[in-house]
Amino acid sequence: MKNMNIDDVDIETLVEVAGVSVDLDLPKAERMIEVVRQMNGNPYFFKCGKLLVKVGYSDTPVTFDQRMEDYLRTI
């Protein structure tokens, strides 16, 4: 799914990200499994209102929060 073109995805088949909720007390591996389960097995595409979003992941110890903090410092 990560190699799918965003133009080939039907937004109506995607999960609304606002409805995804994960227990942060779970271990990291279990949180990841829960996110994939709630996203119907597709962690690469979701919808946010009327927007279709494609996500990429990298194998790095840097967290999303750290990346966002770094980004926000640049604007």
PDB file of N, CA and C in Angstrom:
ATOM      1  N   MET A   1       0.818  -1.204   0.000  1.00  0.00           N
ATOM      2  CA  MET A   1       0.000   0.000   0.000  1.00  0.00           C
ATOM      3  C   MET A   1       0.858   1.263   0.000  1.00  0.00           C
ATOM      4  N   LYS A   2       2.052   1.174   0.576  1.00  0.00           N
ATOM      5  CA  LYS A   2       2.886   2.369   0.631  1.00  0.00           C
ATOM      6  C   LYS A   2       3.316   2.843  -0.745  1.00  0.00           C
ATOM      7  N   ASN A   3       3.313   1.949  -1.737  1.00  0.00           N
ATOM      8  CA  ASN A   3       3.710   2.315  -3.093  1.00  0.00           C
ATOM      9  C   ASN A   3       2.539   2.764  -3.960  1.00  0.00           C
ATOM     10  N   MET A   4       1.332   2.752  -3.397  1.00  0.00           N
ATOM     11  CA  MET A   4       0.155   3.169  -4.165  1.00  0.00           C
ATOM     12  C   MET A   4       0.220   4.658  -4.474  1.00  0.00           C
ATOM     13  N   ASN A   5      -0.285   5.000  -5.635  1.00  0.00           N
ATOM     14  CA  ASN A   5      -0.390   6.396  -6.033  1.00  0.00           C
ATOM     15  C   ASN A   5      -1.630   6.981  -5.373  1.00  0.00           C
ATOM     16  N   ILE A   6      -1.517   8.174  -4.854  1.00  0.00           N
ATOM     17  CA  ILE A   6      -2.634   8.823  -4.168  1.00  0.00           C
ATOM     18  C   ILE A   6      -3.846   8.989  -5.088  1.00  0.00           C
ATOM     19  N   ASP A   7      -3.608   9.099  -6.390  1.00  0.00           N
ATOM     20  CA  ASP A   7      -4.704   9.245  -7.348  1.00  0.00           C
ATOM     21  C   ASP A   7      -5.513   7.962  -7.526  1.00  0.00           C
ATOM     22  N   ASP A   8      -4.961   6.836  -7.092  1.00  0.00           N
ATOM     23  CA  ASP A   8      -5.630   5.552  -7.245  1.00  0.00           C
ATOM     24  C   ASP A   8      -6.423   5.135  -6.006  1.00  0.00           C
ATOM     25  N   VAL A   9      -6.463   5.983  -4.999  1.00  0.00           N
ATOM     26  CA  VAL A   9      -7.126   5.648  -3.737  1.00  0.00           C
ATOM     27  C   VAL A   9      -8.515   6.278  -3.701  1.00  0.00           C
ATOM     28  N   ASP A  10      -9.503   5.475  -3.330  1.00  0.00           N
ATOM     29  CA  ASP A  10     -10.875   5.967  -3.170  1.00  0.00           C
ATOM     30  C   ASP A  10     -11.028   6.488  -1.746  1.00  0.00           C
ATOM     31  N   ILE A  11     -11.178   7.790  -1.593  1.00  0.00           N
ATOM     32  CA  ILE A  11     -11.254   8.407  -0.269  1.00  0.00           C
ATOM     33  C   ILE A  11     -12.399   7.841   0.567  1.00  0.00           C
ATOM     34  N   GLU A  12     -13.443   7.375  -0.086  1.00  0.00           N
ATOM     35  CA  GLU A  12     -14.597   6.828   0.637  1.00  0.00           C
ATOM     36  C   GLU A  12     -14.270   5.515   1.350  1.00  0.00           C
ATOM     37  N   THR A  13     -13.182   4.861   0.979  1.00  0.00           N
ATOM     38  CA  THR A  13     -12.801   3.599   1.614  1.00  0.00           C
ATOM     39  C   THR A  13     -11.859   3.806   2.793  1.00  0.00           C
ATOM     40  N   LEU A  14     -11.464   5.052   3.035  1.00  0.00           N
ATOM     41  CA  LEU A  14     -10.468   5.327   4.073  1.00  0.00           C
ATOM     42  C   LEU A  14     -11.101   5.673   5.417  1.00  0.00           C
ATOM     43  N   VAL A  15     -10.317   5.498   6.466  1.00  0.00           N
ATOM     44  CA  VAL A  15     -10.738   5.789   7.832  1.00  0.00           C
ATOM     45  C   VAL A  15     -10.528   7.272   8.123  1.00  0.00           C
ATOM     46  N   GLU A  16     -11.470   7.867   8.821  1.00  0.00           N
ATOM     47  CA  GLU A  16     -11.339   9.246   9.297  1.00  0.00           C
ATOM     48  C   GLU A  16     -10.370   9.235  10.484  1.00  0.00           C
ATOM     49  N   VAL A  17      -9.270   9.967  10.356  1.00  0.00           N
ATOM     50  CA  VAL A  17      -8.204   9.933  11.359  1.00  0.00           C
ATOM     51  C   VAL A  17      -8.695  10.397  12.730  1.00  0.00           C
ATOM     52  N   ALA A  18      -9.669  11.274  12.775  1.00  0.00           N
ATOM     53  CA  ALA A  18     -10.185  11.754  14.062  1.00  0.00           C
ATOM     54  C   ALA A  18     -10.806  10.632  14.881  1.00  0.00           C
ATOM     55  N   GLY A  19     -11.192   9.545  14.216  1.00  0.00           N
ATOM     56  CA  GLY A  19     -11.794   8.424  14.918  1.00  0.00           C
ATOM     57  C   GLY A  19     -10.800   7.400  15.434  1.00  0.00           C
ATOM     58  N   VAL A  20      -9.527   7.584  15.122  1.00  0.00           N
ATOM     59  CA  VAL A  20      -8.495   6.642  15.575  1.00  0.00           C
ATOM     60  C   VAL A  20      -8.029   7.066  16.960  1.00  0.00           C
ATOM     61  N   SER A  21      -8.106   6.133  17.890  1.00  0.00           N
ATOM     62  CA  SER A  21      -7.717   6.412  19.271  1.00  0.00           C
ATOM     63  C   SER A  21      -6.898   5.245  19.797  1.00  0.00           C
ATOM     64  N   VAL A  22      -5.764   5.555  20.398  1.00  0.00           N
ATOM     65  CA  VAL A  22      -4.863   4.501  20.875  1.00  0.00           C
ATOM     66  C   VAL A  22      -4.481   4.777  22.319  1.00  0.00           C
ATOM     67  N   ASP A  23      -4.465   3.729  23.111  1.00  0.00           N
ATOM     68  CA  ASP A  23      -4.050   3.810  24.511  1.00  0.00           C
ATOM     69  C   ASP A  23      -2.537   4.014  24.563  1.00  0.00           C
ATOM     70  N   LEU A  24      -2.103   5.189  24.990  1.00  0.00           N
ATOM     71  CA  LEU A  24      -0.676   5.516  25.021  1.00  0.00           C
ATOM     72  C   LEU A  24       0.084   4.755  26.097  1.00  0.00           C
ATOM     73  N   ASP A  25      -0.634   4.055  26.965  1.00  0.00           N
ATOM     74  CA  ASP A  25       0.030   3.236  27.984  1.00  0.00           C
ATOM     75  C   ASP A  25       0.464   1.876  27.441  1.00  0.00           C
ATOM     76  N   LEU A  26      -0.028   1.523  26.245  1.00  0.00           N
ATOM     77  CA  LEU A  26       0.384   0.262  25.627  1.00  0.00           C
ATOM     78  C   LEU A  26       1.836   0.356  25.178  1.00  0.00           C
ATOM     79  N   PRO A  27       2.527  -0.780  25.117  1.00  0.00           N
ATOM     80  CA  PRO A  27       3.880  -0.772  24.552  1.00  0.00           C
ATOM     81  C   PRO A  27       3.839  -0.337  23.091  1.00  0.00           C
ATOM     82  N   LYS A  28       4.946   0.199  22.592  1.00  0.00           N
ATOM     83  CA  LYS A  28       5.020   0.746  21.240  1.00  0.00           C
ATOM     84  C   LYS A  28       4.508  -0.236  20.186  1.00  0.00           C
ATOM     85  N   ALA A  29       4.951  -1.477  20.247  1.00  0.00           N
ATOM     86  CA  ALA A  29       4.542  -2.475  19.244  1.00  0.00           C
ATOM     87  C   ALA A  29       3.030  -2.675  19.255  1.00  0.00           C
ATOM     88  N   GLU A  30       2.433  -2.710  20.432  1.00  0.00           N
ATOM     89  CA  GLU A  30       0.982  -2.896  20.526  1.00  0.00           C
ATOM     90  C   GLU A  30       0.236  -1.662  20.030  1.00  0.00           C
ATOM     91  N   ARG A  31       0.783  -0.471  20.271  1.00  0.00           N
ATOM     92  CA  ARG A  31       0.156   0.758  19.741  1.00  0.00           C
ATOM     93  C   ARG A  31       0.162   0.744  18.224  1.00  0.00           C
ATOM     94  N   MET A  32       1.275   0.306  17.646  1.00  0.00           N
ATOM     95  CA  MET A  32       1.369   0.242  16.186  1.00  0.00           C
ATOM     96  C   MET A  32       0.339  -0.734  15.626  1.00  0.00           C
ATOM     97  N   ILE A  33       0.215  -1.877  16.239  1.00  0.00           N
ATOM     98  CA  ILE A  33      -0.766  -2.881  15.804  1.00  0.00           C
ATOM     99  C   ILE A  33      -2.176  -2.317  15.899  1.00  0.00           C
ATOM    100  N   GLU A  34      -2.459  -1.604  16.971  1.00  0.00           N
ATOM    101  CA  GLU A  34      -3.797  -1.032  17.169  1.00  0.00           C
ATOM    102  C   GLU A  34      -4.112   0.033  16.123  1.00  0.00           C
ATOM    103  N   VAL A  35      -3.153   0.858  15.779  1.00  0.00           N
ATOM    104  CA  VAL A  35      -3.369   1.868  14.743  1.00  0.00           C
ATOM    105  C   VAL A  35      -3.675   1.195  13.417  1.00  0.00           C
ATOM    106  N   VAL A  36      -2.880   0.208  13.038  1.00  0.00           N
ATOM    107  CA  VAL A  36      -3.106  -0.503  11.770  1.00  0.00           C
ATOM    108  C   VAL A  36      -4.475  -1.178  11.785  1.00  0.00           C
ATOM    109  N   ARG A  37      -4.860  -1.766  12.906  1.00  0.00           N
ATOM    110  CA  ARG A  37      -6.177  -2.421  13.005  1.00  0.00           C
ATOM    111  C   ARG A  37      -7.285  -1.402  12.794  1.00  0.00           C
ATOM    112  N   GLN A  38      -7.196  -0.257  13.474  1.00  0.00           N
ATOM    113  CA  GLN A  38      -8.245   0.756  13.368  1.00  0.00           C
ATOM    114  C   GLN A  38      -8.283   1.404  11.988  1.00  0.00           C
ATOM    115  N   MET A  39      -7.179   1.343  11.273  1.00  0.00           N
ATOM    116  CA  MET A  39      -7.132   1.938   9.936  1.00  0.00           C
ATOM    117  C   MET A  39      -7.392   0.881   8.862  1.00  0.00           C
ATOM    118  N   ASN A  40      -8.025  -0.206   9.257  1.00  0.00           N
ATOM    119  CA  ASN A  40      -8.400  -1.285   8.337  1.00  0.00           C
ATOM    120  C   ASN A  40      -7.198  -1.840   7.579  1.00  0.00           C
ATOM    121  N   GLY A  41      -6.059  -1.912   8.263  1.00  0.00           N
ATOM    122  CA  GLY A  41      -4.870  -2.509   7.668  1.00  0.00           C
ATOM    123  C   GLY A  41      -4.095  -1.575   6.755  1.00  0.00           C
ATOM    124  N   ASN A  42      -4.505  -0.311   6.661  1.00  0.00           N
ATOM    125  CA  ASN A  42      -3.843   0.628   5.757  1.00  0.00           C
ATOM    126  C   ASN A  42      -3.322   1.840   6.530  1.00  0.00           C
ATOM    127  N   PRO A  43      -2.077   1.783   7.034  1.00  0.00           N
ATOM    128  CA  PRO A  43      -1.544   2.916   7.792  1.00  0.00           C
ATOM    129  C   PRO A  43      -0.955   4.012   6.910  1.00  0.00           C
ATOM    130  N   TYR A  44      -1.027   3.861   5.595  1.00  0.00           N
ATOM    131  CA  TYR A  44      -0.412   4.811   4.669  1.00  0.00           C
ATOM    132  C   TYR A  44      -1.366   5.884   4.157  1.00  0.00           C
ATOM    133  N   PHE A  45      -2.662   5.608   4.192  1.00  0.00           N
ATOM    134  CA  PHE A  45      -3.654   6.563   3.701  1.00  0.00           C
ATOM    135  C   PHE A  45      -4.780   6.688   4.715  1.00  0.00           C
ATOM    136  N   PHE A  46      -5.249   7.909   4.919  1.00  0.00           N
ATOM    137  CA  PHE A  46      -6.425   8.142   5.743  1.00  0.00           C
ATOM    138  C   PHE A  46      -7.067   9.440   5.280  1.00  0.00           C
ATOM    139  N   LYS A  47      -8.231   9.715   5.814  1.00  0.00           N
ATOM    140  CA  LYS A  47      -8.857  10.992   5.466  1.00  0.00           C
ATOM    141  C   LYS A  47      -8.948  11.859   6.713  1.00  0.00           C
ATOM    142  N   CYS A  48      -8.880  13.142   6.460  1.00  0.00           N
ATOM    143  CA  CYS A  48      -9.018  14.159   7.501  1.00  0.00           C
ATOM    144  C   CYS A  48     -10.046  15.139   6.955  1.00  0.00           C
ATOM    145  N   GLY A  49     -11.303  14.898   7.324  1.00  0.00           N
ATOM    146  CA  GLY A  49     -12.384  15.665   6.715  1.00  0.00           C
ATOM    147  C   GLY A  49     -12.495  15.277   5.252  1.00  0.00           C
ATOM    148  N   LYS A  50     -12.393  16.245   4.359  1.00  0.00           N
ATOM    149  CA  LYS A  50     -12.480  15.968   2.919  1.00  0.00           C
ATOM    150  C   LYS A  50     -11.109  15.770   2.285  1.00  0.00           C
ATOM    151  N   LEU A  51     -10.048  15.843   3.098  1.00  0.00           N
ATOM    152  CA  LEU A  51      -8.693  15.669   2.578  1.00  0.00           C
ATOM    153  C   LEU A  51      -8.253  14.221   2.623  1.00  0.00           C
ATOM    154  N   LEU A  52      -7.587  13.796   1.580  1.00  0.00           N
ATOM    155  CA  LEU A  52      -6.960  12.488   1.538  1.00  0.00           C
ATOM    156  C   LEU A  52      -5.488  12.702   1.891  1.00  0.00           C
ATOM    157  N   VAL A  53      -4.980  11.920   2.853  1.00  0.00           N
ATOM    158  CA  VAL A  53      -3.616  12.097   3.335  1.00  0.00           C
ATOM    159  C   VAL A  53      -2.825  10.816   3.098  1.00  0.00           C
ATOM    160  N   LYS A  54      -1.615  10.965   2.549  1.00  0.00           N
ATOM    161  CA  LYS A  54      -0.697   9.843   2.382  1.00  0.00           C
ATOM    162  C   LYS A  54       0.473  10.068   3.338  1.00  0.00           C
ATOM    163  N   VAL A  55       0.806   9.036   4.102  1.00  0.00           N
ATOM    164  CA  VAL A  55       1.848   9.125   5.107  1.00  0.00           C
ATOM    165  C   VAL A  55       3.019   8.241   4.708  1.00  0.00           C
ATOM    166  N   GLY A  56       4.221   8.714   4.982  1.00  0.00           N
ATOM    167  CA  GLY A  56       5.424   7.911   4.796  1.00  0.00           C
ATOM    168  C   GLY A  56       6.098   7.721   6.141  1.00  0.00           C
ATOM    169  N   TYR A  57       6.733   6.603   6.313  1.00  0.00           N
ATOM    170  CA  TYR A  57       7.399   6.284   7.577  1.00  0.00           C
ATOM    171  C   TYR A  57       8.875   6.021   7.309  1.00  0.00           C
ATOM    172  N   SER A  58       9.703   6.372   8.265  1.00  0.00           N
ATOM    173  CA  SER A  58      11.125   6.081   8.136  1.00  0.00           C
ATOM    174  C   SER A  58      11.586   5.289   9.354  1.00  0.00           C
ATOM    175  N   ASP A  59      12.634   4.534   9.159  1.00  0.00           N
ATOM    176  CA  ASP A  59      13.194   3.712  10.228  1.00  0.00           C
ATOM    177  C   ASP A  59      14.229   4.556  10.971  1.00  0.00           C
ATOM    178  N   THR A  60      13.743   5.308  11.959  1.00  0.00           N
ATOM    179  CA  THR A  60      14.596   6.223  12.705  1.00  0.00           C
ATOM    180  C   THR A  60      14.104   6.309  14.151  1.00  0.00           C
ATOM    181  N   PRO A  61      14.991   6.575  15.082  1.00  0.00           N
ATOM    182  CA  PRO A  61      14.550   6.720  16.477  1.00  0.00           C
ATOM    183  C   PRO A  61      13.877   8.062  16.760  1.00  0.00           C
ATOM    184  N   VAL A  62      13.907   8.985  15.787  1.00  0.00           N
ATOM    185  CA  VAL A  62      13.288  10.293  15.983  1.00  0.00           C
ATOM    186  C   VAL A  62      11.772  10.130  15.917  1.00  0.00           C
ATOM    187  N   THR A  63      11.077  10.696  16.898  1.00  0.00           N
ATOM    188  CA  THR A  63       9.621  10.562  16.960  1.00  0.00           C
ATOM    189  C   THR A  63       8.930  11.608  16.100  1.00  0.00           C
ATOM    190  N   PHE A  64       7.670  11.372  15.829  1.00  0.00           N
ATOM    191  CA  PHE A  64       6.850  12.327  15.095  1.00  0.00           C
ATOM    192  C   PHE A  64       6.823  13.672  15.824  1.00  0.00           C
ATOM    193  N   ASP A  65       6.652  13.614  17.143  1.00  0.00           N
ATOM    194  CA  ASP A  65       6.612  14.853  17.926  1.00  0.00           C
ATOM    195  C   ASP A  65       7.913  15.644  17.781  1.00  0.00           C
ATOM    196  N   GLN A  66       9.037  14.946  17.789  1.00  0.00           N
ATOM    197  CA  GLN A  66      10.322  15.629  17.622  1.00  0.00           C
ATOM    198  C   GLN A  66      10.434  16.251  16.234  1.00  0.00           C
ATOM    199  N   ARG A  67       9.980  15.535  15.215  1.00  0.00           N
ATOM    200  CA  ARG A  67      10.008  16.080  13.854  1.00  0.00           C
ATOM    201  C   ARG A  67       9.121  17.326  13.743  1.00  0.00           C
ATOM    202  N   MET A  68       7.929  17.257  14.330  1.00  0.00           N
ATOM    203  CA  MET A  68       7.015  18.405  14.281  1.00  0.00           C
ATOM    204  C   MET A  68       7.604  19.600  15.021  1.00  0.00           C
ATOM    205  N   GLU A  69       8.208  19.346  16.160  1.00  0.00           N
ATOM    206  CA  GLU A  69       8.835  20.432  16.920  1.00  0.00           C
ATOM    207  C   GLU A  69       9.943  21.087  16.095  1.00  0.00           C
ATOM    208  N   ASP A  70      10.768  20.270  15.457  1.00  0.00           N
ATOM    209  CA  ASP A  70      11.833  20.801  14.595  1.00  0.00           C
ATOM    210  C   ASP A  70      11.241  21.623  13.451  1.00  0.00           C
ATOM    211  N   TYR A  71      10.196  21.094  12.824  1.00  0.00           N
ATOM    212  CA  TYR A  71       9.543  21.802  11.727  1.00  0.00           C
ATOM    213  C   TYR A  71       8.987  23.148  12.182  1.00  0.00           C
ATOM    214  N   LEU A  72       8.286  23.150  13.308  1.00  0.00           N
ATOM    215  CA  LEU A  72       7.653  24.373  13.785  1.00  0.00           C
ATOM    216  C   LEU A  72       8.678  25.438  14.153  1.00  0.00           C
ATOM    217  N   ARG A  73       9.851  25.028  14.506  1.00  0.00           N
ATOM    218  CA  ARG A  73      10.917  26.003  14.786  1.00  0.00           C
ATOM    219  C   ARG A  73      11.383  26.721  13.518  1.00  0.00           C
ATOM    220  N   THR A  74      11.139  26.131  12.378  1.00  0.00           N
ATOM    221  CA  THR A  74      11.618  26.731  11.121  1.00  0.00           C
ATOM    222  C   THR A  74      10.626  27.730  10.538  1.00  0.00           C
ATOM    223  N   ILE A  75       9.402  27.756  11.031  1.00  0.00           N
ATOM    224  CA  ILE A  75       8.418  28.669  10.442  1.00  0.00           C
ATOM    225  C   ILE A  75       8.196  29.898  11.307  1.00  0.00           C
TER     226      ILE A  75
END
